[in-house]
PDB file of N, CA and C in Angstrom:
ATOM      1  N   MET A   1      49.705   2.378  36.164  1.00  0.00           N
ATOM      2  CA  MET A   1      50.523   3.102  35.209  1.00  0.00           C
ATOM      3  C   MET A   1      50.362   4.597  35.453  1.00  0.00           C
ATOM      4  N   PHE A   2      51.463   5.284  35.430  1.00  0.00           N
ATOM      5  CA  PHE A   2      51.441   6.732  35.617  1.00  0.00           C
ATOM      6  C   PHE A   2      51.154   7.431  34.303  1.00  0.00           C
ATOM      7  N   ARG A   3      50.459   8.542  34.413  1.00  0.00           N
ATOM      8  CA  ARG A   3      50.224   9.359  33.231  1.00  0.00           C
ATOM      9  C   ARG A   3      50.192  10.818  33.645  1.00  0.00           C
ATOM     10  N   LEU A   4      50.546  11.662  32.720  1.00  0.00           N
ATOM     11  CA  LEU A   4      50.554  13.101  32.962  1.00  0.00           C
ATOM     12  C   LEU A   4      49.258  13.678  32.407  1.00  0.00           C
ATOM     13  N   THR A   5      48.546  14.422  33.240  1.00  0.00           N
ATOM     14  CA  THR A   5      47.251  14.971  32.840  1.00  0.00           C
ATOM     15  C   THR A   5      47.161  16.429  33.237  1.00  0.00           C
ATOM     16  N   ASN A   6      46.683  17.237  32.311  1.00  0.00           N
ATOM     17  CA  ASN A   6      46.375  18.631  32.622  1.00  0.00           C
ATOM     18  C   ASN A   6      44.904  18.665  33.046  1.00  0.00           C
ATOM     19  N   VAL A   7      44.669  18.735  34.337  1.00  0.00           N
ATOM     20  CA  VAL A   7      43.303  18.703  34.860  1.00  0.00           C
ATOM     21  C   VAL A   7      42.503  19.893  34.341  1.00  0.00           C
ATOM     22  N   MET A   8      43.154  21.016  34.111  1.00  0.00           N
ATOM     23  CA  MET A   8      42.455  22.190  33.582  1.00  0.00           C
ATOM     24  C   MET A   8      41.826  21.867  32.226  1.00  0.00           C
ATOM     25  N   GLU A   9      42.498  21.038  31.424  1.00  0.00           N
ATOM     26  CA  GLU A   9      41.940  20.649  30.130  1.00  0.00           C
ATOM     27  C   GLU A   9      40.608  19.925  30.319  1.00  0.00           C
ATOM     28  N   ASN A  10      40.563  19.006  31.255  1.00  0.00           N
ATOM     29  CA  ASN A  10      39.320  18.281  31.530  1.00  0.00           C
ATOM     30  C   ASN A  10      38.219  19.224  32.002  1.00  0.00           C
ATOM     31  N   LEU A  11      38.575  20.160  32.878  1.00  0.00           N
ATOM     32  CA  LEU A  11      37.583  21.106  33.389  1.00  0.00           C
ATOM     33  C   LEU A  11      37.051  22.008  32.286  1.00  0.00           C
ATOM     34  N   VAL A  12      37.934  22.458  31.396  1.00  0.00           N
ATOM     35  CA  VAL A  12      37.517  23.322  30.288  1.00  0.00           C
ATOM     36  C   VAL A  12      36.608  22.554  29.330  1.00  0.00           C
ATOM     37  N   LEU A  13      36.995  21.339  28.968  1.00  0.00           N
ATOM     38  CA  LEU A  13      36.170  20.547  28.060  1.00  0.00           C
ATOM     39  C   LEU A  13      34.795  20.256  28.664  1.00  0.00           C
ATOM     40  N   ASP A  14      34.757  19.965  29.959  1.00  0.00           N
ATOM     41  CA  ASP A  14      33.480  19.733  30.639  1.00  0.00           C
ATOM     42  C   ASP A  14      32.620  20.997  30.622  1.00  0.00           C
ATOM     43  N   THR A  15      33.244  22.140  30.860  1.00  0.00           N
ATOM     44  CA  THR A  15      32.522  23.417  30.876  1.00  0.00           C
ATOM     45  C   THR A  15      31.975  23.737  29.495  1.00  0.00           C
ATOM     46  N   ILE A  16      32.764  23.488  28.454  1.00  0.00           N
ATOM     47  CA  ILE A  16      32.292  23.712  27.090  1.00  0.00           C
ATOM     48  C   ILE A  16      31.049  22.867  26.823  1.00  0.00           C
ATOM     49  N   GLU A  17      31.097  21.613  27.195  1.00  0.00           N
ATOM     50  CA  GLU A  17      29.944  20.728  26.984  1.00  0.00           C
ATOM     51  C   GLU A  17      28.721  21.217  27.756  1.00  0.00           C
ATOM     52  N   GLU A  18      28.930  21.652  28.993  1.00  0.00           N
ATOM     53  CA  GLU A  18      27.820  22.151  29.815  1.00  0.00           C
ATOM     54  C   GLU A  18      27.160  23.364  29.163  1.00  0.00           C
ATOM     55  N   ILE A  19      27.974  24.304  28.717  1.00  0.00           N
ATOM     56  CA  ILE A  19      27.431  25.529  28.117  1.00  0.00           C
ATOM     57  C   ILE A  19      26.760  25.225  26.782  1.00  0.00           C
ATOM     58  N   LEU A  20      27.394  24.388  25.966  1.00  0.00           N
ATOM     59  CA  LEU A  20      26.806  24.054  24.666  1.00  0.00           C
ATOM     60  C   LEU A  20      25.460  23.347  24.810  1.00  0.00           C
ATOM     61  N   SER A  21      25.280  22.604  25.888  1.00  0.00           N
ATOM     62  CA  SER A  21      24.009  21.895  26.081  1.00  0.00           C
ATOM     63  C   SER A  21      22.845  22.856  26.309  1.00  0.00           C
ATOM     64  N   THR A  22      23.158  24.092  26.697  1.00  0.00           N
ATOM     65  CA  THR A  22      22.106  25.082  26.937  1.00  0.00           C
ATOM     66  C   THR A  22      22.043  26.149  25.852  1.00  0.00           C
ATOM     67  N   GLN A  23      23.040  26.195  24.982  1.00  0.00           N
ATOM     68  CA  GLN A  23      23.116  27.224  23.941  1.00  0.00           C
ATOM     69  C   GLN A  23      23.077  26.578  22.562  1.00  0.00           C
ATOM     70  N   LYS A  24      21.918  26.441  22.007  1.00  0.00           N
ATOM     71  CA  LYS A  24      21.758  25.757  20.724  1.00  0.00           C
ATOM     72  C   LYS A  24      22.216  26.613  19.534  1.00  0.00           C
ATOM     73  N   ASN A  25      22.438  27.907  19.753  1.00  0.00           N
ATOM     74  CA  ASN A  25      22.846  28.790  18.664  1.00  0.00           C
ATOM     75  C   ASN A  25      24.371  28.829  18.462  1.00  0.00           C
ATOM     76  N   ILE A  26      25.118  28.083  19.265  1.00  0.00           N
ATOM     77  CA  ILE A  26      26.577  28.030  19.139  1.00  0.00           C
ATOM     78  C   ILE A  26      26.951  26.694  18.508  1.00  0.00           C
ATOM     79  N   CYS A  27      27.806  26.735  17.506  1.00  0.00           N
ATOM     80  CA  CYS A  27      28.224  25.514  16.825  1.00  0.00           C
ATOM     81  C   CYS A  27      28.948  24.592  17.805  1.00  0.00           C
ATOM     82  N   GLY A  28      28.556  23.337  17.807  1.00  0.00           N
ATOM     83  CA  GLY A  28      29.163  22.359  18.693  1.00  0.00           C
ATOM     84  C   GLY A  28      29.926  21.276  17.945  1.00  0.00           C
ATOM     85  N   CYS A  29      30.353  21.581  16.711  1.00  0.00           N
ATOM     86  CA  CYS A  29      31.129  20.584  15.975  1.00  0.00           C
ATOM     87  C   CYS A  29      32.481  20.384  16.664  1.00  0.00           C
ATOM     88  N   GLN A  30      33.111  19.284  16.370  1.00  0.00           N
ATOM     89  CA  GLN A  30      34.376  18.932  17.027  1.00  0.00           C
ATOM     90  C   GLN A  30      35.436  20.019  16.827  1.00  0.00           C
ATOM     91  N   ARG A  31      35.546  20.565  15.622  1.00  0.00           N
ATOM     92  CA  ARG A  31      36.557  21.592  15.344  1.00  0.00           C
ATOM     93  C   ARG A  31      36.315  22.838  16.191  1.00  0.00           C
ATOM     94  N   CYS A  32      35.069  23.285  16.259  1.00  0.00           N
ATOM     95  CA  CYS A  32      34.764  24.480  17.053  1.00  0.00           C
ATOM     96  C   CYS A  32      35.016  24.244  18.542  1.00  0.00           C
ATOM     97  N   LYS A  33      34.624  23.076  19.046  1.00  0.00           N
ATOM     98  CA  LYS A  33      34.870  22.775  20.463  1.00  0.00           C
ATOM     99  C   LYS A  33      36.364  22.761  20.775  1.00  0.00           C
ATOM    100  N   LEU A  34      37.157  22.178  19.893  1.00  0.00           N
ATOM    101  CA  LEU A  34      38.605  22.149  20.132  1.00  0.00           C
ATOM    102  C   LEU A  34      39.217  23.540  20.021  1.00  0.00           C
ATOM    103  N   ASP A  35      38.719  24.365  19.087  1.00  0.00           N
ATOM    104  CA  ASP A  35      39.195  25.746  18.993  1.00  0.00           C
ATOM    105  C   ASP A  35      38.862  26.520  20.268  1.00  0.00           C
ATOM    106  N   MET A  36      37.646  26.329  20.777  1.00  0.00           N
ATOM    107  CA  MET A  36      37.242  26.990  22.027  1.00  0.00           C
ATOM    108  C   MET A  36      38.142  26.560  23.177  1.00  0.00           C
ATOM    109  N   ALA A  37      38.398  25.265  23.250  1.00  0.00           N
ATOM    110  CA  ALA A  37      39.244  24.744  24.327  1.00  0.00           C
ATOM    111  C   ALA A  37      40.658  25.290  24.224  1.00  0.00           C
ATOM    112  N   ALA A  38      41.214  25.323  23.024  1.00  0.00           N
ATOM    113  CA  ALA A  38      42.584  25.818  22.838  1.00  0.00           C
ATOM    114  C   ALA A  38      42.700  27.274  23.268  1.00  0.00           C
ATOM    115  N   ILE A  39      41.744  28.087  22.872  1.00  0.00           N
ATOM    116  CA  ILE A  39      41.769  29.508  23.243  1.00  0.00           C
ATOM    117  C   ILE A  39      41.670  29.658  24.758  1.00  0.00           C
ATOM    118  N   ALA A  40      40.724  28.962  25.360  1.00  0.00           N
ATOM    119  CA  ALA A  40      40.536  29.070  26.810  1.00  0.00           C
ATOM    120  C   ALA A  40      41.757  28.558  27.570  1.00  0.00           C
ATOM    121  N   LEU A  41      42.292  27.409  27.144  1.00  0.00           N
ATOM    122  CA  LEU A  41      43.435  26.820  27.854  1.00  0.00           C
ATOM    123  C   LEU A  41      44.685  27.689  27.767  1.00  0.00           C
ATOM    124  N   ASN A  42      44.826  28.437  26.693  1.00  0.00           N
ATOM    125  CA  ASN A  42      45.981  29.335  26.579  1.00  0.00           C
ATOM    126  C   ASN A  42      45.883  30.521  27.523  1.00  0.00           C
ATOM    127  N   LYS A  43      44.690  30.781  28.052  1.00  0.00           N
ATOM    128  CA  LYS A  43      44.498  31.906  28.974  1.00  0.00           C
ATOM    129  C   LYS A  43      44.401  31.477  30.439  1.00  0.00           C
ATOM    130  N   LEU A  44      44.244  30.185  30.680  1.00  0.00           N
ATOM    131  CA  LEU A  44      44.084  29.679  32.048  1.00  0.00           C
ATOM    132  C   LEU A  44      45.369  28.996  32.520  1.00  0.00           C
ATOM    133  N   PRO A  45      45.585  28.949  33.831  1.00  0.00           N
ATOM    134  CA  PRO A  45      46.776  28.273  34.344  1.00  0.00           C
ATOM    135  C   PRO A  45      46.671  26.759  34.145  1.00  0.00           C
ATOM    136  N   THR A  46      47.790  26.135  33.869  1.00  0.00           N
ATOM    137  CA  THR A  46      47.806  24.680  33.740  1.00  0.00           C
ATOM    138  C   THR A  46      47.825  24.058  35.130  1.00  0.00           C
ATOM    139  N   SER A  47      47.323  22.836  35.208  1.00  0.00           N
ATOM    140  CA  SER A  47      47.303  22.101  36.476  1.00  0.00           C
ATOM    141  C   SER A  47      47.619  20.644  36.181  1.00  0.00           C
ATOM    142  N   TYR A  48      48.892  20.342  36.079  1.00  0.00           N
ATOM    143  CA  TYR A  48      49.309  18.984  35.751  1.00  0.00           C
ATOM    144  C   TYR A  48      49.403  18.121  36.990  1.00  0.00           C
ATOM    145  N   VAL A  49      48.971  16.878  36.831  1.00  0.00           N
ATOM    146  CA  VAL A  49      49.094  15.882  37.886  1.00  0.00           C
ATOM    147  C   VAL A  49      49.601  14.592  37.261  1.00  0.00           C
ATOM    148  N   VAL A  50      50.144  13.712  38.092  1.00  0.00           N
ATOM    149  CA  VAL A  50      50.683  12.450  37.597  1.00  0.00           C
ATOM    150  C   VAL A  50      49.791  11.273  37.944  1.00  0.00           C
ATOM    151  N   THR A  51      49.263  11.220  39.121  1.00  0.00           N
ATOM    152  CA  THR A  51      48.497  10.041  39.527  1.00  0.00           C
ATOM    153  C   THR A  51      46.999  10.306  39.435  1.00  0.00           C
ATOM    154  N   ALA A  52      46.242   9.235  39.351  1.00  0.00           N
ATOM    155  CA  ALA A  52      44.787   9.366  39.347  1.00  0.00           C
ATOM    156  C   ALA A  52      44.314  10.006  40.650  1.00  0.00           C
ATOM    157  N   GLU A  53      44.954   9.649  41.761  1.00  0.00           N
ATOM    158  CA  GLU A  53      44.610  10.245  43.046  1.00  0.00           C
ATOM    159  C   GLU A  53      44.851  11.747  43.009  1.00  0.00           C
ATOM    160  N   GLY A  54      45.980  12.162  42.467  1.00  0.00           N
ATOM    161  CA  GLY A  54      46.288  13.585  42.352  1.00  0.00           C
ATOM    162  C   GLY A  54      45.284  14.307  41.475  1.00  0.00           C
ATOM    163  N   GLU A  55      44.846  13.641  40.426  1.00  0.00           N
ATOM    164  CA  GLU A  55      43.855  14.237  39.540  1.00  0.00           C
ATOM    165  C   GLU A  55      42.551  14.496  40.285  1.00  0.00           C
ATOM    166  N   VAL A  56      42.129  13.541  41.072  1.00  0.00           N
ATOM    167  CA  VAL A  56      40.893  13.693  41.828  1.00  0.00           C
ATOM    168  C   VAL A  56      41.026  14.822  42.843  1.00  0.00           C
ATOM    169  N   LEU A  57      42.140  14.854  43.569  1.00  0.00           N
ATOM    170  CA  LEU A  57      42.335  15.907  44.566  1.00  0.00           C
ATOM    171  C   LEU A  57      42.362  17.280  43.924  1.00  0.00           C
ATOM    172  N   LEU A  58      43.070  17.408  42.810  1.00  0.00           N
ATOM    173  CA  LEU A  58      43.150  18.706  42.156  1.00  0.00           C
ATOM    174  C   LEU A  58      41.801  19.105  41.574  1.00  0.00           C
ATOM    175  N   ARG A  59      41.060  18.154  41.041  1.00  0.00           N
ATOM    176  CA  ARG A  59      39.743  18.458  40.479  1.00  0.00           C
ATOM    177  C   ARG A  59      38.811  18.978  41.570  1.00  0.00           C
ATOM    178  N   VAL A  60      38.850  18.368  42.745  1.00  0.00           N
ATOM    179  CA  VAL A  60      38.025  18.830  43.855  1.00  0.00           C
ATOM    180  C   VAL A  60      38.440  20.234  44.259  1.00  0.00           C
ATOM    181  N   ASN A  61      39.722  20.477  44.375  1.00  0.00           N
ATOM    182  CA  ASN A  61      40.206  21.803  44.749  1.00  0.00           C
ATOM    183  C   ASN A  61      39.883  22.835  43.681  1.00  0.00           C
ATOM    184  N   SER A  62      39.877  22.418  42.421  1.00  0.00           N
ATOM    185  CA  SER A  62      39.658  23.363  41.334  1.00  0.00           C
ATOM    186  C   SER A  62      38.210  23.821  41.253  1.00  0.00           C
ATOM    187  N   LEU A  63      37.334  23.148  41.942  1.00  0.00           N
ATOM    188  CA  LEU A  63      35.942  23.549  41.912  1.00  0.00           C
ATOM    189  C   LEU A  63      35.652  24.717  42.856  1.00  0.00           C
ATOM    190  N   LYS A  64      36.694  25.269  43.426  1.00  0.00           N
ATOM    191  CA  LYS A  64      36.518  26.457  44.246  1.00  0.00           C
ATOM    192  C   LYS A  64      35.831  27.515  43.389  1.00  0.00           C
ATOM    193  N   GLN A  65      34.999  28.278  44.016  1.00  0.00           N
ATOM    194  CA  GLN A  65      34.117  29.206  43.308  1.00  0.00           C
ATOM    195  C   GLN A  65      34.856  30.126  42.335  1.00  0.00           C
ATOM    196  N   GLN A  66      35.931  30.762  42.756  1.00  0.00           N
ATOM    197  CA  GLN A  66      36.587  31.737  41.883  1.00  0.00           C
ATOM    198  C   GLN A  66      37.177  31.069  40.645  1.00  0.00           C
ATOM    199  N   LEU A  67      37.788  29.906  40.805  1.00  0.00           N
ATOM    200  CA  LEU A  67      38.357  29.219  39.650  1.00  0.00           C
ATOM    201  C   LEU A  67      37.263  28.810  38.685  1.00  0.00           C
ATOM    202  N   LYS A  68      36.144  28.314  39.196  1.00  0.00           N
ATOM    203  CA  LYS A  68      35.029  27.928  38.333  1.00  0.00           C
ATOM    204  C   LYS A  68      34.505  29.138  37.563  1.00  0.00           C
ATOM    205  N   VAL A  69      34.416  30.273  38.229  1.00  0.00           N
ATOM    206  CA  VAL A  69      33.986  31.507  37.571  1.00  0.00           C
ATOM    207  C   VAL A  69      34.985  31.891  36.473  1.00  0.00           C
ATOM    208  N   ASP A  70      36.270  31.789  36.771  1.00  0.00           N
ATOM    209  CA  ASP A  70      37.295  32.109  35.774  1.00  0.00           C
ATOM    210  C   ASP A  70      37.191  31.198  34.563  1.00  0.00           C
ATOM    211  N   ILE A  71      36.954  29.916  34.790  1.00  0.00           N
ATOM    212  CA  ILE A  71      36.832  28.962  33.684  1.00  0.00           C
ATOM    213  C   ILE A  71      35.609  29.299  32.839  1.00  0.00           C
ATOM    214  N   ILE A  72      34.477  29.558  33.474  1.00  0.00           N
ATOM    215  CA  ILE A  72      33.257  29.888  32.730  1.00  0.00           C
ATOM    216  C   ILE A  72      33.445  31.167  31.932  1.00  0.00           C
ATOM    217  N   ARG A  73      34.042  32.176  32.538  1.00  0.00           N
ATOM    218  CA  ARG A  73      34.267  33.449  31.846  1.00  0.00           C
ATOM    219  C   ARG A  73      35.172  33.254  30.641  1.00  0.00           C
ATOM    220  N   THR A  74      36.267  32.540  30.826  1.00  0.00           N
ATOM    221  CA  THR A  74      37.234  32.332  29.754  1.00  0.00           C
ATOM    222  C   THR A  74      36.648  31.482  28.634  1.00  0.00           C
ATOM    223  N   VAL A  75      35.915  30.449  28.981  1.00  0.00           N
ATOM    224  CA  VAL A  75      35.272  29.599  27.967  1.00  0.00           C
ATOM    225  C   VAL A  75      34.224  30.401  27.201  1.00  0.00           C
ATOM    226  N   THR A  76      33.451  31.226  27.888  1.00  0.00           N
ATOM    227  CA  THR A  76      32.435  32.043  27.227  1.00  0.00           C
ATOM    228  C   THR A  76      33.073  33.015  26.238  1.00  0.00           C
ATOM    229  N   GLU A  77      34.187  33.617  26.624  1.00  0.00           N
ATOM    230  CA  GLU A  77      34.910  34.509  25.713  1.00  0.00           C
ATOM    231  C   GLU A  77      35.423  33.737  24.494  1.00  0.00           C
ATOM    232  N   ALA A  78      35.949  32.540  24.722  1.00  0.00           N
ATOM    233  CA  ALA A  78      36.455  31.721  23.620  1.00  0.00           C
ATOM    234  C   ALA A  78      35.320  31.320  22.685  1.00  0.00           C
ATOM    235  N   MET A  79      34.166  30.996  23.239  1.00  0.00           N
ATOM    236  CA  MET A  79      33.009  30.634  22.414  1.00  0.00           C
ATOM    237  C   MET A  79      32.575  31.799  21.526  1.00  0.00           C
ATOM    238  N   ALA A  80      32.576  32.987  22.078  1.00  0.00           N
ATOM    239  CA  ALA A  80      32.194  34.166  21.294  1.00  0.00           C
ATOM    240  C   ALA A  80      33.175  34.384  20.147  1.00  0.00           C
ATOM    241  N   LEU A  81      34.456  34.235  20.429  1.00  0.00           N
ATOM    242  CA  LEU A  81      35.480  34.422  19.405  1.00  0.00           C
ATOM    243  C   LEU A  81      35.362  33.385  18.294  1.00  0.00           C
ATOM    244  N   VAL A  82      35.197  32.135  18.662  1.00  0.00           N
ATOM    245  CA  VAL A  82      35.079  31.066  17.671  1.00  0.00           C
ATOM    246  C   VAL A  82      33.779  31.213  16.880  1.00  0.00           C
ATOM    247  N   SER A  83      32.717  31.626  17.534  1.00  0.00           N
ATOM    248  CA  SER A  83      31.439  31.802  16.838  1.00  0.00           C
ATOM    249  C   SER A  83      31.535  32.882  15.763  1.00  0.00           C
ATOM    250  N   LYS A  84      32.335  33.911  16.017  1.00  0.00           N
ATOM    251  CA  LYS A  84      32.515  34.984  15.026  1.00  0.00           C
ATOM    252  C   LYS A  84      33.402  34.548  13.868  1.00  0.00           C
ATOM    253  N   ASN A  85      34.346  33.650  14.126  1.00  0.00           N
ATOM    254  CA  ASN A  85      35.304  33.210  13.119  1.00  0.00           C
ATOM    255  C   ASN A  85      35.493  31.699  13.144  1.00  0.00           C
ATOM    256  N   PRO A  86      34.475  30.923  12.800  1.00  0.00           N
ATOM    257  CA  PRO A  86      34.634  29.462  12.848  1.00  0.00           C
ATOM    258  C   PRO A  86      35.559  28.967  11.746  1.00  0.00           C
ATOM    259  N   HIS A  87      36.458  28.065  12.084  1.00  0.00           N
ATOM    260  CA  HIS A  87      37.376  27.509  11.090  1.00  0.00           C
ATOM    261  C   HIS A  87      36.703  26.490  10.195  1.00  0.00           C
ATOM    262  N   HIS A  88      35.656  25.836  10.689  1.00  0.00           N
ATOM    263  CA  HIS A  88      35.014  24.808   9.886  1.00  0.00           C
ATOM    264  C   HIS A  88      34.443  25.369   8.593  1.00  0.00           C
ATOM    265  N   ALA A  89      34.014  26.636   8.594  1.00  0.00           N
ATOM    266  CA  ALA A  89      33.475  27.253   7.378  1.00  0.00           C
ATOM    267  C   ALA A  89      34.563  27.373   6.316  1.00  0.00           C
ATOM    268  N   ARG A  90      35.786  27.679   6.745  1.00  0.00           N
ATOM    269  CA  ARG A  90      36.899  27.812   5.798  1.00  0.00           C
ATOM    270  C   ARG A  90      37.305  26.466   5.239  1.00  0.00           C
ATOM    271  N   GLU A  91      37.197  25.409   6.045  1.00  0.00           N
ATOM    272  CA  GLU A  91      37.590  24.085   5.592  1.00  0.00           C
ATOM    273  C   GLU A  91      36.631  23.534   4.564  1.00  0.00           C
ATOM    274  N   ASN A  92      35.376  23.956   4.618  1.00  0.00           N
ATOM    275  CA  ASN A  92      34.358  23.445   3.707  1.00  0.00           C
ATOM    276  C   ASN A  92      34.283  24.224   2.415  1.00  0.00           C
ATOM    277  N   THR A  93      35.044  25.288   2.276  1.00  0.00           N
ATOM    278  CA  THR A  93      34.974  26.079   1.043  1.00  0.00           C
ATOM    279  C   THR A  93      36.118  25.783   0.124  1.00  0.00           C
TER     280      THR A  93
END
């Protein structure tokens, strides 16, 4: 079965998880993680693929050093922004 996948979304979500595993002072609730991903994904180029094979090929290519640096930088900026203004605090009040 064919499916449309934004490989950049997977890479961003993986990067968020990697960084959160080392940074215990950043909220890792589902809402904050999704806010971080949304902010980062709006600043990064999309990379859509249709087949699982295409997804694997694009994922391998996307691990090029500069793209990985761009993803880490963008995710880190998104984490800082969300940490300053978490939406979960507003939902609980």
